[in-house]
Full PDB file with SEQRES, HELIX, SHEET, SSBOND, CRYST1, ORIGX, SCALE, CONECT and MASTER records, all heavy atoms in Angstrom:
SEQRES   1 A   36  LEU LEU GLN ILE GLY LEU ALA ALA ASP VAL TYR MET GLY          
SEQRES   2 A   36  GLN PHE ASP ASP SER LYS TYR ARG GLU GLU SER GLU ALA          
SEQRES   3 A   36  PHE TYR ALA ALA LYS SER ASN PRO ASP LEU                      
HELIX    1 AA1 LEU A    2  ILE A    4  5                                   3    
HELIX    2 AA2 ALA A    8  TYR A   11  1                                   4    
HELIX    3 AA3 GLN A   14  ASP A   16  5                                   3    
HELIX    4 AA4 SER A   18  LYS A   31  1                                  14    
CRYST1    1.000    1.000    1.000  90.00  90.00  90.00 P 1           1          
ORIGX1      1.000000  0.000000  0.000000        0.00000                         
ORIGX2      0.000000  1.000000  0.000000        0.00000                         
ORIGX3      0.000000  0.000000  1.000000        0.00000                         
SCALE1      1.000000  0.000000  0.000000        0.00000                         
SCALE2      0.000000  1.000000  0.000000        0.00000                         
SCALE3      0.000000  0.000000  1.000000        0.00000                         
ATOM      1  N   LEU A   1      73.287 104.575 -12.364  1.00  0.00           N  
ATOM      2  CA  LEU A   1      74.410 103.955 -11.774  1.00  0.00           C  
ATOM      3  C   LEU A   1      75.731 104.696 -12.191  1.00  0.00           C  
ATOM      4  O   LEU A   1      76.688 104.670 -11.409  1.00  0.00           O  
ATOM      5  CB  LEU A   1      74.383 102.548 -12.170  1.00  0.00           C  
ATOM      6  CG  LEU A   1      73.258 101.624 -11.469  1.00  0.00           C  
ATOM      7  CD1 LEU A   1      73.380 100.203 -11.991  1.00  0.00           C  
ATOM      8  CD2 LEU A   1      73.211 101.894 -10.071  1.00  0.00           C  
ATOM      9  N   LEU A   2      75.726 105.218 -13.448  1.00  0.00           N  
ATOM     10  CA  LEU A   2      77.003 105.976 -13.765  1.00  0.00           C  
ATOM     11  C   LEU A   2      77.293 107.143 -12.866  1.00  0.00           C  
ATOM     12  O   LEU A   2      78.319 107.529 -12.642  1.00  0.00           O  
ATOM     13  CB  LEU A   2      76.833 106.379 -15.213  1.00  0.00           C  
ATOM     14  CG  LEU A   2      78.014 107.314 -15.695  1.00  0.00           C  
ATOM     15  CD1 LEU A   2      79.274 106.555 -15.604  1.00  0.00           C  
ATOM     16  CD2 LEU A   2      77.607 107.785 -17.239  1.00  0.00           C  
ATOM     17  N   GLN A   3      76.222 107.640 -12.338  1.00  0.00           N  
ATOM     18  CA  GLN A   3      76.348 108.879 -11.489  1.00  0.00           C  
ATOM     19  C   GLN A   3      77.088 108.558 -10.268  1.00  0.00           C  
ATOM     20  O   GLN A   3      77.684 109.502  -9.601  1.00  0.00           O  
ATOM     21  CB  GLN A   3      74.968 109.395 -11.195  1.00  0.00           C  
ATOM     22  CG  GLN A   3      74.153 109.985 -12.265  1.00  0.00           C  
ATOM     23  CD  GLN A   3      72.757 110.530 -11.858  1.00  0.00           C  
ATOM     24  OE1 GLN A   3      72.456 110.540 -10.682  1.00  0.00           O  
ATOM     25  NE2 GLN A   3      72.027 110.857 -12.819  1.00  0.00           N  
ATOM     26  N   ILE A   4      77.100 107.330  -9.790  1.00  0.00           N  
ATOM     27  CA  ILE A   4      77.965 107.021  -8.578  1.00  0.00           C  
ATOM     28  C   ILE A   4      79.214 106.239  -9.047  1.00  0.00           C  
ATOM     29  O   ILE A   4      79.889 105.743  -8.185  1.00  0.00           O  
ATOM     30  CB  ILE A   4      77.200 106.159  -7.585  1.00  0.00           C  
ATOM     31  CG1 ILE A   4      76.592 104.881  -8.172  1.00  0.00           C  
ATOM     32  CG2 ILE A   4      75.870 107.055  -6.916  1.00  0.00           C  
ATOM     33  CD1 ILE A   4      76.048 104.039  -7.239  1.00  0.00           C  
ATOM     34  N   GLY A   5      79.468 106.192 -10.415  1.00  0.00           N  
ATOM     35  CA  GLY A   5      80.708 105.728 -10.798  1.00  0.00           C  
ATOM     36  C   GLY A   5      80.782 104.351 -11.395  1.00  0.00           C  
ATOM     37  O   GLY A   5      81.738 103.861 -11.975  1.00  0.00           O  
ATOM     38  N   LEU A   6      79.700 103.515 -11.437  1.00  0.00           N  
ATOM     39  CA  LEU A   6      79.699 102.261 -11.985  1.00  0.00           C  
ATOM     40  C   LEU A   6      80.014 102.199 -13.550  1.00  0.00           C  
ATOM     41  O   LEU A   6      79.264 102.886 -14.288  1.00  0.00           O  
ATOM     42  CB  LEU A   6      78.332 101.603 -11.785  1.00  0.00           C  
ATOM     43  CG  LEU A   6      78.273 100.118 -12.220  1.00  0.00           C  
ATOM     44  CD1 LEU A   6      79.376  99.274 -11.457  1.00  0.00           C  
ATOM     45  CD2 LEU A   6      76.875  99.504 -11.908  1.00  0.00           C  
ATOM     46  N   ALA A   7      81.073 101.509 -13.832  1.00  0.00           N  
ATOM     47  CA  ALA A   7      81.490 101.368 -15.212  1.00  0.00           C  
ATOM     48  C   ALA A   7      81.979 102.665 -15.726  1.00  0.00           C  
ATOM     49  O   ALA A   7      81.853 102.895 -17.107  1.00  0.00           O  
ATOM     50  CB  ALA A   7      80.510 100.656 -16.105  1.00  0.00           C  
ATOM     51  N   ALA A   8      82.399 103.749 -14.947  1.00  0.00           N  
ATOM     52  CA  ALA A   8      82.792 104.928 -15.426  1.00  0.00           C  
ATOM     53  C   ALA A   8      84.044 104.844 -16.478  1.00  0.00           C  
ATOM     54  O   ALA A   8      84.066 105.730 -17.326  1.00  0.00           O  
ATOM     55  CB  ALA A   8      83.155 105.925 -14.301  1.00  0.00           C  
ATOM     56  N   ASP A   9      84.839 103.876 -16.254  1.00  0.00           N  
ATOM     57  CA  ASP A   9      85.932 103.761 -17.197  1.00  0.00           C  
ATOM     58  C   ASP A   9      85.621 103.603 -18.685  1.00  0.00           C  
ATOM     59  O   ASP A   9      86.142 104.075 -19.564  1.00  0.00           O  
ATOM     60  CB  ASP A   9      86.900 102.641 -16.813  1.00  0.00           C  
ATOM     61  CG  ASP A   9      86.216 101.333 -16.727  1.00  0.00           C  
ATOM     62  OD1 ASP A   9      85.018 101.223 -16.782  1.00  0.00           O  
ATOM     63  OD2 ASP A   9      86.951 100.306 -16.361  1.00  0.00           O  
ATOM     64  N   VAL A  10      84.411 103.026 -18.896  1.00  0.00           N  
ATOM     65  CA  VAL A  10      83.860 102.695 -20.295  1.00  0.00           C  
ATOM     66  C   VAL A  10      83.419 104.151 -20.808  1.00  0.00           C  
ATOM     67  O   VAL A  10      83.841 104.466 -21.992  1.00  0.00           O  
ATOM     68  CB  VAL A  10      82.718 101.766 -20.274  1.00  0.00           C  
ATOM     69  CG1 VAL A  10      82.166 101.712 -21.697  1.00  0.00           C  
ATOM     70  CG2 VAL A  10      83.189 100.334 -19.955  1.00  0.00           C  
ATOM     71  N   TYR A  11      82.795 104.886 -20.147  1.00  0.00           N  
ATOM     72  CA  TYR A  11      82.124 106.107 -20.510  1.00  0.00           C  
ATOM     73  C   TYR A  11      83.350 107.228 -20.654  1.00  0.00           C  
ATOM     74  O   TYR A  11      83.159 108.123 -21.457  1.00  0.00           O  
ATOM     75  CB  TYR A  11      81.102 106.632 -19.654  1.00  0.00           C  
ATOM     76  CG  TYR A  11      79.874 105.743 -19.458  1.00  0.00           C  
ATOM     77  CD1 TYR A  11      79.708 104.693 -18.653  1.00  0.00           C  
ATOM     78  CD2 TYR A  11      79.000 105.951 -20.503  1.00  0.00           C  
ATOM     79  CE1 TYR A  11      78.637 103.956 -18.682  1.00  0.00           C  
ATOM     80  CE2 TYR A  11      77.684 105.109 -20.534  1.00  0.00           C  
ATOM     81  CZ  TYR A  11      77.631 104.180 -19.558  1.00  0.00           C  
ATOM     82  OH  TYR A  11      76.573 103.375 -19.604  1.00  0.00           O  
ATOM     83  N   MET A  12      84.452 106.948 -19.995  1.00  0.00           N  
ATOM     84  CA  MET A  12      85.506 107.948 -20.040  1.00  0.00           C  
ATOM     85  C   MET A  12      86.510 107.624 -21.173  1.00  0.00           C  
ATOM     86  O   MET A  12      87.537 108.281 -21.264  1.00  0.00           O  
ATOM     87  CB  MET A  12      86.205 108.008 -18.748  1.00  0.00           C  
ATOM     88  CG  MET A  12      85.401 108.588 -17.602  1.00  0.00           C  
ATOM     89  SD  MET A  12      86.184 108.523 -15.877  1.00  0.00           S  
ATOM     90  CE  MET A  12      87.488 109.824 -16.067  1.00  0.00           C  
ATOM     91  N   GLY A  13      86.226 106.496 -21.907  1.00  0.00           N  
ATOM     92  CA  GLY A  13      86.997 106.178 -23.056  1.00  0.00           C  
ATOM     93  C   GLY A  13      88.327 105.348 -22.685  1.00  0.00           C  
ATOM     94  O   GLY A  13      89.111 105.067 -23.626  1.00  0.00           O  
ATOM     95  N   GLN A  14      88.442 104.915 -21.371  1.00  0.00           N  
ATOM     96  CA  GLN A  14      89.570 104.208 -21.039  1.00  0.00           C  
ATOM     97  C   GLN A  14      89.731 102.779 -21.759  1.00  0.00           C  
ATOM     98  O   GLN A  14      90.839 102.189 -21.834  1.00  0.00           O  
ATOM     99  CB  GLN A  14      89.714 103.995 -19.538  1.00  0.00           C  
ATOM    100  CG  GLN A  14      90.018 105.404 -18.841  1.00  0.00           C  
ATOM    101  CD  GLN A  14      89.916 105.205 -17.364  1.00  0.00           C  
ATOM    102  OE1 GLN A  14      88.899 105.214 -16.630  1.00  0.00           O  
ATOM    103  NE2 GLN A  14      91.149 105.280 -16.680  1.00  0.00           N  
ATOM    104  N   PHE A  15      88.524 102.245 -22.126  1.00  0.00           N  
ATOM    105  CA  PHE A  15      88.478 100.949 -22.679  1.00  0.00           C  
ATOM    106  C   PHE A  15      89.059 100.951 -24.045  1.00  0.00           C  
ATOM    107  O   PHE A  15      89.287 100.002 -24.663  1.00  0.00           O  
ATOM    108  CB  PHE A  15      87.084 100.311 -22.594  1.00  0.00           C  
ATOM    109  CG  PHE A  15      86.886  99.230 -21.600  1.00  0.00           C  
ATOM    110  CD1 PHE A  15      87.158  99.694 -20.234  1.00  0.00           C  
ATOM    111  CD2 PHE A  15      86.522  98.007 -21.829  1.00  0.00           C  
ATOM    112  CE1 PHE A  15      86.887  98.664 -19.327  1.00  0.00           C  
ATOM    113  CE2 PHE A  15      86.429  97.027 -20.946  1.00  0.00           C  
ATOM    114  CZ  PHE A  15      86.552  97.387 -19.597  1.00  0.00           C  
ATOM    115  N   ASP A  16      89.257 102.167 -24.574  1.00  0.00           N  
ATOM    116  CA  ASP A  16      89.901 102.215 -26.024  1.00  0.00           C  
ATOM    117  C   ASP A  16      91.463 102.053 -25.877  1.00  0.00           C  
ATOM    118  O   ASP A  16      92.046 101.805 -26.941  1.00  0.00           O  
ATOM    119  CB  ASP A  16      89.633 103.615 -26.529  1.00  0.00           C  
ATOM    120  CG  ASP A  16      88.175 103.999 -26.787  1.00  0.00           C  
ATOM    121  OD1 ASP A  16      87.458 103.059 -27.033  1.00  0.00           O  
ATOM    122  OD2 ASP A  16      87.768 105.063 -26.773  1.00  0.00           O  
ATOM    123  N   ASP A  17      91.978 101.950 -24.715  1.00  0.00           N  
ATOM    124  CA  ASP A  17      93.385 101.667 -24.511  1.00  0.00           C  
ATOM    125  C   ASP A  17      93.583 100.113 -24.175  1.00  0.00           C  
ATOM    126  O   ASP A  17      92.965  99.745 -23.133  1.00  0.00           O  
ATOM    127  CB  ASP A  17      93.826 102.567 -23.261  1.00  0.00           C  
ATOM    128  CG  ASP A  17      95.349 102.500 -22.969  1.00  0.00           C  
ATOM    129  OD1 ASP A  17      95.933 101.518 -23.492  1.00  0.00           O  
ATOM    130  OD2 ASP A  17      95.835 103.206 -22.293  1.00  0.00           O  
ATOM    131  N   SER A  18      94.220  99.436 -25.086  1.00  0.00           N  
ATOM    132  CA  SER A  18      94.410  98.043 -24.920  1.00  0.00           C  
ATOM    133  C   SER A  18      95.248  97.830 -23.652  1.00  0.00           C  
ATOM    134  O   SER A  18      95.000  96.715 -22.981  1.00  0.00           O  
ATOM    135  CB  SER A  18      95.199  97.487 -26.085  1.00  0.00           C  
ATOM    136  OG  SER A  18      96.519  98.169 -26.277  1.00  0.00           O  
ATOM    137  N   LYS A  19      96.128  98.578 -23.176  1.00  0.00           N  
ATOM    138  CA  LYS A  19      96.939  98.335 -21.951  1.00  0.00           C  
ATOM    139  C   LYS A  19      96.025  98.364 -20.787  1.00  0.00           C  
ATOM    140  O   LYS A  19      95.978  97.559 -19.837  1.00  0.00           O  
ATOM    141  CB  LYS A  19      98.051  99.388 -21.837  1.00  0.00           C  
ATOM    142  CG  LYS A  19      98.827  99.073 -20.533  1.00  0.00           C  
ATOM    143  CD  LYS A  19     100.065 100.184 -20.483  1.00  0.00           C  
ATOM    144  CE  LYS A  19     100.902  99.894 -19.260  1.00  0.00           C  
ATOM    145  NZ  LYS A  19     101.840 100.882 -19.039  1.00  0.00           N  
ATOM    146  N   TYR A  20      95.001  99.379 -20.795  1.00  0.00           N  
ATOM    147  CA  TYR A  20      94.061  99.455 -19.664  1.00  0.00           C  
ATOM    148  C   TYR A  20      93.109  98.224 -19.593  1.00  0.00           C  
ATOM    149  O   TYR A  20      92.856  97.693 -18.442  1.00  0.00           O  
ATOM    150  CB  TYR A  20      93.203 100.685 -19.886  1.00  0.00           C  
ATOM    151  CG  TYR A  20      92.066 100.913 -18.710  1.00  0.00           C  
ATOM    152  CD1 TYR A  20      92.557 101.460 -17.469  1.00  0.00           C  
ATOM    153  CD2 TYR A  20      90.870 100.382 -18.875  1.00  0.00           C  
ATOM    154  CE1 TYR A  20      91.600 101.549 -16.424  1.00  0.00           C  
ATOM    155  CE2 TYR A  20      89.965 100.532 -17.799  1.00  0.00           C  
ATOM    156  CZ  TYR A  20      90.276 101.030 -16.675  1.00  0.00           C  
ATOM    157  OH  TYR A  20      89.367 101.165 -15.621  1.00  0.00           O  
ATOM    158  N   ARG A  21      92.782  97.787 -20.779  1.00  0.00           N  
ATOM    159  CA  ARG A  21      91.874  96.446 -20.843  1.00  0.00           C  
ATOM    160  C   ARG A  21      92.654  95.308 -20.140  1.00  0.00           C  
ATOM    161  O   ARG A  21      92.125  94.565 -19.563  1.00  0.00           O  
ATOM    162  CB  ARG A  21      91.432  96.266 -22.158  1.00  0.00           C  
ATOM    163  CG  ARG A  21      90.430  97.186 -22.773  1.00  0.00           C  
ATOM    164  CD  ARG A  21      89.985  96.757 -24.129  1.00  0.00           C  
ATOM    165  NE  ARG A  21      89.361  95.501 -24.160  1.00  0.00           N  
ATOM    166  CZ  ARG A  21      87.972  95.303 -24.013  1.00  0.00           C  
ATOM    167  NH1 ARG A  21      87.138  96.380 -23.903  1.00  0.00           N  
ATOM    168  NH2 ARG A  21      87.513  94.129 -24.092  1.00  0.00           N  
ATOM    169  N   GLU A  22      93.981  95.272 -20.601  1.00  0.00           N  
ATOM    170  CA  GLU A  22      94.750  94.128 -20.017  1.00  0.00           C  
ATOM    171  C   GLU A  22      94.911  94.299 -18.454  1.00  0.00           C  
ATOM    172  O   GLU A  22      94.799  93.217 -17.808  1.00  0.00           O  
ATOM    173  CB  GLU A  22      96.172  94.169 -20.642  1.00  0.00           C  
ATOM    174  CG  GLU A  22      96.081  93.751 -22.046  1.00  0.00           C  
ATOM    175  CD  GLU A  22      97.412  93.927 -22.725  1.00  0.00           C  
ATOM    176  OE1 GLU A  22      98.428  94.421 -22.055  1.00  0.00           O  
ATOM    177  OE2 GLU A  22      97.689  93.675 -23.975  1.00  0.00           O  
ATOM    178  N   GLU A  23      95.049  95.492 -18.017  1.00  0.00           N  
ATOM    179  CA  GLU A  23      95.032  95.711 -16.554  1.00  0.00           C  
ATOM    180  C   GLU A  23      93.830  95.211 -15.856  1.00  0.00           C  
ATOM    181  O   GLU A  23      93.714  94.682 -14.789  1.00  0.00           O  
ATOM    182  CB  GLU A  23      95.462  97.209 -16.177  1.00  0.00           C  
ATOM    183  CG  GLU A  23      96.836  97.596 -16.628  1.00  0.00           C  
ATOM    184  CD  GLU A  23      97.035  99.077 -16.439  1.00  0.00           C  
ATOM    185  OE1 GLU A  23      96.092  99.696 -16.030  1.00  0.00           O  
ATOM    186  OE2 GLU A  23      98.171  99.606 -16.518  1.00  0.00           O  
ATOM    187  N   SER A  24      92.712  95.620 -16.475  1.00  0.00           N  
ATOM    188  CA  SER A  24      91.348  95.242 -15.986  1.00  0.00           C  
ATOM    189  C   SER A  24      91.172  93.614 -15.983  1.00  0.00           C  
ATOM    190  O   SER A  24      90.639  93.126 -15.081  1.00  0.00           O  
ATOM    191  CB  SER A  24      90.252  95.935 -16.841  1.00  0.00           C  
ATOM    192  OG  SER A  24      90.262  97.313 -16.574  1.00  0.00           O  
ATOM    193  N   GLU A  25      91.676  93.064 -17.081  1.00  0.00           N  
ATOM    194  CA  GLU A  25      91.482  91.590 -17.130  1.00  0.00           C  
ATOM    195  C   GLU A  25      92.389  90.983 -15.977  1.00  0.00           C  
ATOM    196  O   GLU A  25      91.803  89.979 -15.380  1.00  0.00           O  
ATOM    197  CB  GLU A  25      92.031  91.115 -18.501  1.00  0.00           C  
ATOM    198  CG  GLU A  25      91.078  91.464 -19.694  1.00  0.00           C  
ATOM    199  CD  GLU A  25      91.737  91.073 -20.959  1.00  0.00           C  
ATOM    200  OE1 GLU A  25      93.010  90.707 -21.087  1.00  0.00           O  
ATOM    201  OE2 GLU A  25      91.009  91.295 -22.029  1.00  0.00           O  
ATOM    202  N   ALA A  26      93.643  91.456 -15.744  1.00  0.00           N  
ATOM    203  CA  ALA A  26      94.292  90.901 -14.712  1.00  0.00           C  
ATOM    204  C   ALA A  26      93.652  91.207 -13.254  1.00  0.00           C  
ATOM    205  O   ALA A  26      93.715  90.359 -12.327  1.00  0.00           O  
ATOM    206  CB  ALA A  26      95.720  91.539 -14.722  1.00  0.00           C  
ATOM    207  N   PHE A  27      93.115  92.371 -13.171  1.00  0.00           N  
ATOM    208  CA  PHE A  27      92.475  92.821 -11.947  1.00  0.00           C  
ATOM    209  C   PHE A  27      91.309  91.796 -11.579  1.00  0.00           C  
ATOM    210  O   PHE A  27      91.188  91.283 -10.486  1.00  0.00           O  
ATOM    211  CB  PHE A  27      91.848  94.120 -11.972  1.00  0.00           C  
ATOM    212  CG  PHE A  27      91.061  94.625 -10.820  1.00  0.00           C  
ATOM    213  CD1 PHE A  27      91.617  95.085  -9.722  1.00  0.00           C  
ATOM    214  CD2 PHE A  27      89.647  94.508 -10.871  1.00  0.00           C  
ATOM    215  CE1 PHE A  27      90.837  95.505  -8.537  1.00  0.00           C  
ATOM    216  CE2 PHE A  27      88.895  94.882  -9.831  1.00  0.00           C  
ATOM    217  CZ  PHE A  27      89.540  95.268  -8.648  1.00  0.00           C  
ATOM    218  N   TYR A  28      90.406  91.505 -12.590  1.00  0.00           N  
ATOM    219  CA  TYR A  28      89.288  90.611 -12.314  1.00  0.00           C  
ATOM    220  C   TYR A  28      89.679  89.105 -12.190  1.00  0.00           C  
ATOM    221  O   TYR A  28      89.075  88.348 -11.491  1.00  0.00           O  
ATOM    222  CB  TYR A  28      88.260  90.888 -13.366  1.00  0.00           C  
ATOM    223  CG  TYR A  28      87.374  92.133 -12.969  1.00  0.00           C  
ATOM    224  CD1 TYR A  28      87.639  93.315 -13.539  1.00  0.00           C  
ATOM    225  CD2 TYR A  28      86.379  91.901 -12.106  1.00  0.00           C  
ATOM    226  CE1 TYR A  28      86.854  94.400 -13.194  1.00  0.00           C  
ATOM    227  CE2 TYR A  28      85.568  93.021 -11.725  1.00  0.00           C  
ATOM    228  CZ  TYR A  28      85.863  94.375 -12.267  1.00  0.00           C  
ATOM    229  OH  TYR A  28      85.213  95.394 -11.972  1.00  0.00           O  
ATOM    230  N   ALA A  29      90.689  88.793 -12.853  1.00  0.00           N  
ATOM    231  CA  ALA A  29      91.273  87.429 -12.727  1.00  0.00           C  
ATOM    232  C   ALA A  29      91.698  87.250 -11.289  1.00  0.00           C  
ATOM    233  O   ALA A  29      91.481  86.188 -10.615  1.00  0.00           O  
ATOM    234  CB  ALA A  29      92.479  87.126 -13.716  1.00  0.00           C  
ATOM    235  N   ALA A  30      92.495  88.229 -10.766  1.00  0.00           N  
ATOM    236  CA  ALA A  30      92.978  88.078  -9.309  1.00  0.00           C  
ATOM    237  C   ALA A  30      91.772  88.184  -8.347  1.00  0.00           C  
ATOM    238  O   ALA A  30      91.861  87.463  -7.401  1.00  0.00           O  
ATOM    239  CB  ALA A  30      93.915  89.277  -9.062  1.00  0.00           C  
ATOM    240  N   LYS A  31      90.789  88.911  -8.659  1.00  0.00           N  
ATOM    241  CA  LYS A  31      89.718  89.182  -7.676  1.00  0.00           C  
ATOM    242  C   LYS A  31      88.894  87.885  -7.686  1.00  0.00           C  
ATOM    243  O   LYS A  31      88.301  87.635  -6.589  1.00  0.00           O  
ATOM    244  CB  LYS A  31      88.786  90.277  -8.280  1.00  0.00           C  
ATOM    245  CG  LYS A  31      87.689  90.672  -7.497  1.00  0.00           C  
ATOM    246  CD  LYS A  31      86.835  91.817  -8.016  1.00  0.00           C  
ATOM    247  CE  LYS A  31      85.696  92.265  -7.192  1.00  0.00           C  
ATOM    248  NZ  LYS A  31      84.925  93.201  -7.689  1.00  0.00           N  
ATOM    249  N   SER A  32      88.958  86.999  -8.701  1.00  0.00           N  
ATOM    250  CA  SER A  32      88.179  85.811  -8.613  1.00  0.00           C  
ATOM    251  C   SER A  32      88.951  84.658  -8.019  1.00  0.00           C  
ATOM    252  O   SER A  32      88.426  83.489  -7.641  1.00  0.00           O  
ATOM    253  CB  SER A  32      87.724  85.295 -10.029  1.00  0.00           C  
ATOM    254  OG  SER A  32      88.835  85.002 -10.716  1.00  0.00           O  
ATOM    255  N   ASN A  33      90.184  84.893  -7.528  1.00  0.00           N  
ATOM    256  CA  ASN A  33      91.087  83.912  -7.011  1.00  0.00           C  
ATOM    257  C   ASN A  33      90.570  83.761  -5.475  1.00  0.00           C  
ATOM    258  O   ASN A  33      90.564  84.687  -4.639  1.00  0.00           O  
ATOM    259  CB  ASN A  33      92.558  84.455  -6.936  1.00  0.00           C  
ATOM    260  CG  ASN A  33      93.477  83.418  -6.427  1.00  0.00           C  
ATOM    261  OD1 ASN A  33      93.068  82.478  -5.720  1.00  0.00           O  
ATOM    262  ND2 ASN A  33      94.713  83.550  -6.950  1.00  0.00           N  
ATOM    263  N   PRO A  34      90.362  82.531  -5.039  1.00  0.00           N  
ATOM    264  CA  PRO A  34      89.826  82.360  -3.621  1.00  0.00           C  
ATOM    265  C   PRO A  34      90.908  82.849  -2.582  1.00  0.00           C  
ATOM    266  O   PRO A  34      90.487  83.226  -1.424  1.00  0.00           O  
ATOM    267  CB  PRO A  34      89.734  80.891  -3.496  1.00  0.00           C  
ATOM    268  CG  PRO A  34      89.438  80.380  -4.955  1.00  0.00           C  
ATOM    269  CD  PRO A  34      90.336  81.355  -5.810  1.00  0.00           C  
ATOM    270  N   ASP A  35      92.209  82.779  -3.003  1.00  0.00           N  
ATOM    271  CA  ASP A  35      93.108  83.163  -1.965  1.00  0.00           C  
ATOM    272  C   ASP A  35      93.311  84.678  -1.801  1.00  0.00           C  
ATOM    273  O   ASP A  35      93.994  85.123  -0.950  1.00  0.00           O  
ATOM    274  CB  ASP A  35      94.624  82.673  -2.495  1.00  0.00           C  
ATOM    275  CG  ASP A  35      94.731  81.130  -2.385  1.00  0.00           C  
ATOM    276  OD1 ASP A  35      93.915  80.602  -1.484  1.00  0.00           O  
ATOM    277  OD2 ASP A  35      95.537  80.584  -3.005  1.00  0.00           O  
ATOM    278  N   LEU A  36      92.514  85.374  -2.645  1.00  0.00           N  
ATOM    279  CA  LEU A  36      92.532  86.831  -2.567  1.00  0.00           C  
ATOM    280  C   LEU A  36      91.301  87.491  -2.067  1.00  0.00           C  
ATOM    281  O   LEU A  36      91.074  88.685  -2.125  1.00  0.00           O  
ATOM    282  CB  LEU A  36      92.918  87.420  -3.978  1.00  0.00           C  
ATOM    283  CG  LEU A  36      94.325  86.930  -4.426  1.00  0.00           C  
ATOM    284  CD1 LEU A  36      94.532  87.626  -5.798  1.00  0.00           C  
ATOM    285  CD2 LEU A  36      95.385  87.453  -3.482  1.00  0.00           C  
TER     286      LEU A  36                                                      
MASTER        0    0    0    4    0    0    0    6  285    1    0    3          
END                                                                             
């Protein structure tokens, strides 16, 4: 699945960046909003 990009940010080391993790948390919080 990584070959088509699934969870590629983890393997690319982006999760080591706390700011990136915060952005991802905000993204998935918004994604779960029924209005969105």
